[in-house]
Amino acid sequence: MPVRVLAISIFLMLSGCSGNEGDNSTAAAGDEEPQHVWDEQVKTIDKARQLEQDMNDAFRRRAEEVDTQSR
């Protein structure tokens, strides 16, 4: 009996999440690329990666300056 309940629960969850008939909230207007659920999180992670790269570049430049001045 518990296996049936689990199987039915999984089926209902998957069927509830499948497709987006009549739901145009995620569809973009015109030729724009459709956005996915985590679009904002992906953008935030991309910004953080760029910031990390910028900081690493700044640290490297500063280390080079210190090394040049210490000679």
PDB file of N, CA and C in Angstrom:
ATOM      1  N   MET A   1       0.811  -1.197   0.000  1.00  0.00           N
ATOM      2  CA  MET A   1       0.000   0.000   0.000  1.00  0.00           C
ATOM      3  C   MET A   1       0.862   1.272   0.000  1.00  0.00           C
ATOM      4  N   PRO A   2       1.914   1.390   0.861  1.00  0.00           N
ATOM      5  CA  PRO A   2       2.730   2.605   0.841  1.00  0.00           C
ATOM      6  C   PRO A   2       3.409   2.823  -0.503  1.00  0.00           C
ATOM      7  N   VAL A   3       3.740   1.730  -1.204  1.00  0.00           N
ATOM      8  CA  VAL A   3       4.383   1.873  -2.508  1.00  0.00           C
ATOM      9  C   VAL A   3       3.409   2.501  -3.498  1.00  0.00           C
ATOM     10  N   ARG A   4       2.153   2.117  -3.431  1.00  0.00           N
ATOM     11  CA  ARG A   4       1.141   2.704  -4.322  1.00  0.00           C
ATOM     12  C   ARG A   4       0.982   4.191  -4.045  1.00  0.00           C
ATOM     13  N   VAL A   5       0.936   4.553  -2.780  1.00  0.00           N
ATOM     14  CA  VAL A   5       0.774   5.965  -2.413  1.00  0.00           C
ATOM     15  C   VAL A   5       1.965   6.766  -2.924  1.00  0.00           C
ATOM     16  N   LEU A   6       3.151   6.216  -2.757  1.00  0.00           N
ATOM     17  CA  LEU A   6       4.349   6.883  -3.241  1.00  0.00           C
ATOM     18  C   LEU A   6       4.333   7.018  -4.757  1.00  0.00           C
ATOM     19  N   ALA A   7       3.958   5.948  -5.445  1.00  0.00           N
ATOM     20  CA  ALA A   7       3.909   5.987  -6.904  1.00  0.00           C
ATOM     21  C   ALA A   7       2.882   6.994  -7.400  1.00  0.00           C
ATOM     22  N   ILE A   8       1.722   7.022  -6.768  1.00  0.00           N
ATOM     23  CA  ILE A   8       0.682   7.983  -7.172  1.00  0.00           C
ATOM     24  C   ILE A   8       1.140   9.409  -6.883  1.00  0.00           C
ATOM     25  N   SER A   9       1.792   9.618  -5.741  1.00  0.00           N
ATOM     26  CA  SER A   9       2.280  10.960  -5.403  1.00  0.00           C
ATOM     27  C   SER A   9       3.306  11.442  -6.412  1.00  0.00           C
ATOM     28  N   ILE A  10       4.233  10.582  -6.769  1.00  0.00           N
ATOM     29  CA  ILE A  10       5.247  10.950  -7.759  1.00  0.00           C
ATOM     30  C   ILE A  10       4.602  11.244  -9.102  1.00  0.00           C
ATOM     31  N   PHE A  11       3.657  10.414  -9.508  1.00  0.00           N
ATOM     32  CA  PHE A  11       2.964  10.645 -10.775  1.00  0.00           C
ATOM     33  C   PHE A  11       2.258  11.992 -10.784  1.00  0.00           C
ATOM     34  N   LEU A  12       1.559  12.310  -9.697  1.00  0.00           N
ATOM     35  CA  LEU A  12       0.836  13.578  -9.626  1.00  0.00           C
ATOM     36  C   LEU A  12       1.793  14.773  -9.635  1.00  0.00           C
ATOM     37  N   MET A  13       2.920  14.644  -8.944  1.00  0.00           N
ATOM     38  CA  MET A  13       3.886  15.744  -8.951  1.00  0.00           C
ATOM     39  C   MET A  13       4.463  15.961 -10.343  1.00  0.00           C
ATOM     40  N   LEU A  14       4.808  14.876 -11.013  1.00  0.00           N
ATOM     41  CA  LEU A  14       5.385  15.001 -12.351  1.00  0.00           C
ATOM     42  C   LEU A  14       4.368  15.494 -13.361  1.00  0.00           C
ATOM     43  N   SER A  15       3.149  15.033 -13.264  1.00  0.00           N
ATOM     44  CA  SER A  15       2.139  15.480 -14.226  1.00  0.00           C
ATOM     45  C   SER A  15       1.758  16.928 -13.972  1.00  0.00           C
ATOM     46  N   GLY A  16       1.840  17.363 -12.733  1.00  0.00           N
ATOM     47  CA  GLY A  16       1.547  18.758 -12.414  1.00  0.00           C
ATOM     48  C   GLY A  16       2.618  19.699 -12.917  1.00  0.00           C
ATOM     49  N   CYS A  17       3.831  19.213 -13.064  1.00  0.00           N
ATOM     50  CA  CYS A  17       4.950  20.049 -13.497  1.00  0.00           C
ATOM     51  C   CYS A  17       5.206  19.955 -14.989  1.00  0.00           C
ATOM     52  N   SER A  18       4.554  19.047 -15.663  1.00  0.00           N
ATOM     53  CA  SER A  18       4.843  18.870 -17.088  1.00  0.00           C
ATOM     54  C   SER A  18       4.066  19.853 -17.936  1.00  0.00           C
ATOM     55  N   GLY A  19       4.737  20.320 -18.982  1.00  0.00           N
ATOM     56  CA  GLY A  19       4.093  21.194 -19.965  1.00  0.00           C
ATOM     57  C   GLY A  19       3.720  22.544 -19.388  1.00  0.00           C
ATOM     58  N   ASN A  20       3.362  23.447 -20.297  1.00  0.00           N
ATOM     59  CA  ASN A  20       2.887  24.756 -19.866  1.00  0.00           C
ATOM     60  C   ASN A  20       1.755  25.194 -20.784  1.00  0.00           C
ATOM     61  N   GLU A  21       0.800  24.318 -20.978  1.00  0.00           N
ATOM     62  CA  GLU A  21      -0.340  24.638 -21.824  1.00  0.00           C
ATOM     63  C   GLU A  21      -1.074  25.839 -21.245  1.00  0.00           C
ATOM     64  N   GLY A  22      -1.263  26.848 -22.077  1.00  0.00           N
ATOM     65  CA  GLY A  22      -1.989  28.030 -21.660  1.00  0.00           C
ATOM     66  C   GLY A  22      -1.185  28.949 -20.759  1.00  0.00           C
ATOM     67  N   ASP A  23       0.022  28.611 -20.440  1.00  0.00           N
ATOM     68  CA  ASP A  23       0.852  29.446 -19.569  1.00  0.00           C
ATOM     69  C   ASP A  23       1.920  30.123 -20.407  1.00  0.00           C
ATOM     70  N   ASN A  24       1.706  31.387 -20.702  1.00  0.00           N
ATOM     71  CA  ASN A  24       2.652  32.136 -21.526  1.00  0.00           C
ATOM     72  C   ASN A  24       3.506  33.063 -20.685  1.00  0.00           C
ATOM     73  N   SER A  25       3.500  32.887 -19.368  1.00  0.00           N
ATOM     74  CA  SER A  25       4.252  33.800 -18.515  1.00  0.00           C
ATOM     75  C   SER A  25       5.754  33.659 -18.717  1.00  0.00           C
ATOM     76  N   THR A  26       6.235  32.456 -19.090  1.00  0.00           N
ATOM     77  CA  THR A  26       7.665  32.284 -19.304  1.00  0.00           C
ATOM     78  C   THR A  26       8.059  32.498 -20.754  1.00  0.00           C
ATOM     79  N   ALA A  27       7.095  32.571 -21.634  1.00  0.00           N
ATOM     80  CA  ALA A  27       7.402  32.778 -23.048  1.00  0.00           C
ATOM     81  C   ALA A  27       7.685  34.255 -23.291  1.00  0.00           C
ATOM     82  N   ALA A  28       8.711  34.525 -24.034  1.00  0.00           N
ATOM     83  CA  ALA A  28       9.090  35.900 -24.332  1.00  0.00           C
ATOM     84  C   ALA A  28       8.328  36.384 -25.557  1.00  0.00           C
ATOM     85  N   ALA A  29       8.101  37.674 -25.597  1.00  0.00           N
ATOM     86  CA  ALA A  29       7.398  38.262 -26.732  1.00  0.00           C
ATOM     87  C   ALA A  29       8.363  38.436 -27.897  1.00  0.00           C
ATOM     88  N   GLY A  30       7.886  38.249 -29.092  1.00  0.00           N
ATOM     89  CA  GLY A  30       8.707  38.455 -30.274  1.00  0.00           C
ATOM     90  C   GLY A  30       9.759  37.396 -30.449  1.00  0.00           C
ATOM     91  N   ASP A  31      10.936  37.828 -30.888  1.00  0.00           N
ATOM     92  CA  ASP A  31      12.029  36.901 -31.164  1.00  0.00           C
ATOM     93  C   ASP A  31      12.963  36.696 -29.976  1.00  0.00           C
ATOM     94  N   GLU A  32      12.591  37.205 -28.813  1.00  0.00           N
ATOM     95  CA  GLU A  32      13.457  37.083 -27.653  1.00  0.00           C
ATOM     96  C   GLU A  32      13.564  35.626 -27.212  1.00  0.00           C
ATOM     97  N   GLU A  33      14.674  35.324 -26.603  1.00  0.00           N
ATOM     98  CA  GLU A  33      14.921  33.980 -26.100  1.00  0.00           C
ATOM     99  C   GLU A  33      14.047  33.726 -24.868  1.00  0.00           C
ATOM    100  N   PRO A  34      13.388  32.572 -24.783  1.00  0.00           N
ATOM    101  CA  PRO A  34      12.565  32.298 -23.603  1.00  0.00           C
ATOM    102  C   PRO A  34      13.443  32.197 -22.361  1.00  0.00           C
ATOM    103  N   GLN A  35      12.909  32.658 -21.259  1.00  0.00           N
ATOM    104  CA  GLN A  35      13.680  32.663 -20.024  1.00  0.00           C
ATOM    105  C   GLN A  35      13.317  31.458 -19.188  1.00  0.00           C
ATOM    106  N   HIS A  36      14.304  30.943 -18.481  1.00  0.00           N
ATOM    107  CA  HIS A  36      14.033  29.810 -17.623  1.00  0.00           C
ATOM    108  C   HIS A  36      13.839  30.281 -16.187  1.00  0.00           C
ATOM    109  N   VAL A  37      13.466  29.377 -15.339  1.00  0.00           N
ATOM    110  CA  VAL A  37      13.086  29.693 -13.972  1.00  0.00           C
ATOM    111  C   VAL A  37      14.207  30.365 -13.195  1.00  0.00           C
ATOM    112  N   TRP A  38      15.440  29.956 -13.427  1.00  0.00           N
ATOM    113  CA  TRP A  38      16.557  30.461 -12.637  1.00  0.00           C
ATOM    114  C   TRP A  38      17.337  31.542 -13.361  1.00  0.00           C
ATOM    115  N   ASP A  39      16.704  32.275 -14.244  1.00  0.00           N
ATOM    116  CA  ASP A  39      17.396  33.279 -15.041  1.00  0.00           C
ATOM    117  C   ASP A  39      18.084  34.321 -14.163  1.00  0.00           C
ATOM    118  N   GLU A  40      17.403  34.819 -13.155  1.00  0.00           N
ATOM    119  CA  GLU A  40      17.995  35.835 -12.282  1.00  0.00           C
ATOM    120  C   GLU A  40      19.175  35.266 -11.500  1.00  0.00           C
ATOM    121  N   GLN A  41      19.060  34.023 -11.036  1.00  0.00           N
ATOM    122  CA  GLN A  41      20.155  33.411 -10.299  1.00  0.00           C
ATOM    123  C   GLN A  41      21.369  33.203 -11.193  1.00  0.00           C
ATOM    124  N   VAL A  42      21.130  32.810 -12.444  1.00  0.00           N
ATOM    125  CA  VAL A  42      22.229  32.614 -13.393  1.00  0.00           C
ATOM    126  C   VAL A  42      22.926  33.948 -13.663  1.00  0.00           C
ATOM    127  N   LYS A  43      22.139  35.007 -13.821  1.00  0.00           N
ATOM    128  CA  LYS A  43      22.731  36.328 -14.040  1.00  0.00           C
ATOM    129  C   LYS A  43      23.568  36.761 -12.841  1.00  0.00           C
ATOM    130  N   THR A  44      23.073  36.486 -11.640  1.00  0.00           N
ATOM    131  CA  THR A  44      23.806  36.843 -10.424  1.00  0.00           C
ATOM    132  C   THR A  44      25.113  36.073 -10.338  1.00  0.00           C
ATOM    133  N   ILE A  45      25.077  34.794 -10.656  1.00  0.00           N
ATOM    134  CA  ILE A  45      26.298  33.980 -10.632  1.00  0.00           C
ATOM    135  C   ILE A  45      27.286  34.474 -11.675  1.00  0.00           C
ATOM    136  N   ASP A  46      26.792  34.832 -12.870  1.00  0.00           N
ATOM    137  CA  ASP A  46      27.678  35.358 -13.908  1.00  0.00           C
ATOM    138  C   ASP A  46      28.340  36.660 -13.461  1.00  0.00           C
ATOM    139  N   LYS A  47      27.563  37.526 -12.796  1.00  0.00           N
ATOM    140  CA  LYS A  47      28.130  38.775 -12.288  1.00  0.00           C
ATOM    141  C   LYS A  47      29.185  38.501 -11.231  1.00  0.00           C
ATOM    142  N   ALA A  48      28.919  37.524 -10.366  1.00  0.00           N
ATOM    143  CA  ALA A  48      29.882  37.177  -9.323  1.00  0.00           C
ATOM    144  C   ALA A  48      31.162  36.623  -9.936  1.00  0.00           C
ATOM    145  N   ARG A  49      31.038  35.817 -10.971  1.00  0.00           N
ATOM    146  CA  ARG A  49      32.234  35.280 -11.640  1.00  0.00           C
ATOM    147  C   ARG A  49      33.045  36.400 -12.276  1.00  0.00           C
ATOM    148  N   GLN A  50      32.362  37.361 -12.890  1.00  0.00           N
ATOM    149  CA  GLN A  50      33.062  38.487 -13.500  1.00  0.00           C
ATOM    150  C   GLN A  50      33.755  39.326 -12.432  1.00  0.00           C
ATOM    151  N   LEU A  51      33.079  39.541 -11.313  1.00  0.00           N
ATOM    152  CA  LEU A  51      33.677  40.292 -10.216  1.00  0.00           C
ATOM    153  C   LEU A  51      34.899  39.570  -9.673  1.00  0.00           C
ATOM    154  N   GLU A  52      34.792  38.246  -9.541  1.00  0.00           N
ATOM    155  CA  GLU A  52      35.935  37.460  -9.072  1.00  0.00           C
ATOM    156  C   GLU A  52      37.120  37.611 -10.018  1.00  0.00           C
ATOM    157  N   GLN A  53      36.859  37.579 -11.308  1.00  0.00           N
ATOM    158  CA  GLN A  53      37.928  37.735 -12.297  1.00  0.00           C
ATOM    159  C   GLN A  53      38.548  39.127 -12.201  1.00  0.00           C
ATOM    160  N   ASP A  54      37.701  40.148 -12.057  1.00  0.00           N
ATOM    161  CA  ASP A  54      38.203  41.512 -11.928  1.00  0.00           C
ATOM    162  C   ASP A  54      39.069  41.667 -10.683  1.00  0.00           C
ATOM    163  N   MET A  55      38.627  41.074  -9.576  1.00  0.00           N
ATOM    164  CA  MET A  55      39.400  41.163  -8.331  1.00  0.00           C
ATOM    165  C   MET A  55      40.722  40.420  -8.458  1.00  0.00           C
ATOM    166  N   ASN A  56      40.714  39.265  -9.071  1.00  0.00           N
ATOM    167  CA  ASN A  56      41.962  38.517  -9.269  1.00  0.00           C
ATOM    168  C   ASN A  56      42.934  39.305 -10.137  1.00  0.00           C
ATOM    169  N   ASP A  57      42.413  39.957 -11.181  1.00  0.00           N
ATOM    170  CA  ASP A  57      43.266  40.788 -12.029  1.00  0.00           C
ATOM    171  C   ASP A  57      43.858  41.951 -11.230  1.00  0.00           C
ATOM    172  N   ALA A  58      43.040  42.578 -10.396  1.00  0.00           N
ATOM    173  CA  ALA A  58      43.516  43.700  -9.591  1.00  0.00           C
ATOM    174  C   ALA A  58      44.571  43.238  -8.584  1.00  0.00           C
ATOM    175  N   PHE A  59      44.351  42.099  -7.948  1.00  0.00           N
ATOM    176  CA  PHE A  59      45.346  41.574  -7.008  1.00  0.00           C
ATOM    177  C   PHE A  59      46.651  41.243  -7.718  1.00  0.00           C
ATOM    178  N   ARG A  60      46.547  40.677  -8.915  1.00  0.00           N
ATOM    179  CA  ARG A  60      47.740  40.323  -9.672  1.00  0.00           C
ATOM    180  C   ARG A  60      48.519  41.593 -10.046  1.00  0.00           C
ATOM    181  N   ARG A  61      47.799  42.617 -10.530  1.00  0.00           N
ATOM    182  CA  ARG A  61      48.460  43.876 -10.886  1.00  0.00           C
ATOM    183  C   ARG A  61      49.130  44.506  -9.669  1.00  0.00           C
ATOM    184  N   ARG A  62      48.433  44.471  -8.535  1.00  0.00           N
ATOM    185  CA  ARG A  62      48.981  45.059  -7.314  1.00  0.00           C
ATOM    186  C   ARG A  62      50.226  44.286  -6.867  1.00  0.00           C
ATOM    187  N   ALA A  63      50.170  42.972  -6.969  1.00  0.00           N
ATOM    188  CA  ALA A  63      51.338  42.162  -6.593  1.00  0.00           C
ATOM    189  C   ALA A  63      52.522  42.467  -7.508  1.00  0.00           C
ATOM    190  N   GLU A  64      52.252  42.683  -8.783  1.00  0.00           N
ATOM    191  CA  GLU A  64      53.320  43.034  -9.722  1.00  0.00           C
ATOM    192  C   GLU A  64      53.919  44.400  -9.379  1.00  0.00           C
ATOM    193  N   GLU A  65      53.042  45.356  -9.004  1.00  0.00           N
ATOM    194  CA  GLU A  65      53.519  46.681  -8.619  1.00  0.00           C
ATOM    195  C   GLU A  65      54.400  46.612  -7.381  1.00  0.00           C
ATOM    196  N   VAL A  66      53.949  45.851  -6.385  1.00  0.00           N
ATOM    197  CA  VAL A  66      54.728  45.709  -5.146  1.00  0.00           C
ATOM    198  C   VAL A  66      56.053  45.048  -5.446  1.00  0.00           C
ATOM    199  N   ASP A  67      56.025  44.017  -6.293  1.00  0.00           N
ATOM    200  CA  ASP A  67      57.261  43.323  -6.656  1.00  0.00           C
ATOM    201  C   ASP A  67      58.218  44.263  -7.396  1.00  0.00           C
ATOM    202  N   THR A  68      57.694  45.086  -8.287  1.00  0.00           N
ATOM    203  CA  THR A  68      58.521  46.029  -9.046  1.00  0.00           C
ATOM    204  C   THR A  68      59.113  47.079  -8.112  1.00  0.00           C
ATOM    205  N   GLN A  69      58.301  47.585  -7.173  1.00  0.00           N
ATOM    206  CA  GLN A  69      58.786  48.622  -6.271  1.00  0.00           C
ATOM    207  C   GLN A  69      59.780  48.090  -5.245  1.00  0.00           C
ATOM    208  N   SER A  70      59.713  46.804  -4.946  1.00  0.00           N
ATOM    209  CA  SER A  70      60.613  46.248  -3.927  1.00  0.00           C
ATOM    210  C   SER A  70      61.987  45.918  -4.481  1.00  0.00           C
ATOM    211  N   ARG A  71      62.177  46.014  -5.762  1.00  0.00           N
ATOM    212  CA  ARG A  71      63.487  45.721  -6.369  1.00  0.00           C
ATOM    213  C   ARG A  71      64.418  46.894  -6.277  1.00  0.00           C
TER     214      ARG A  71
END
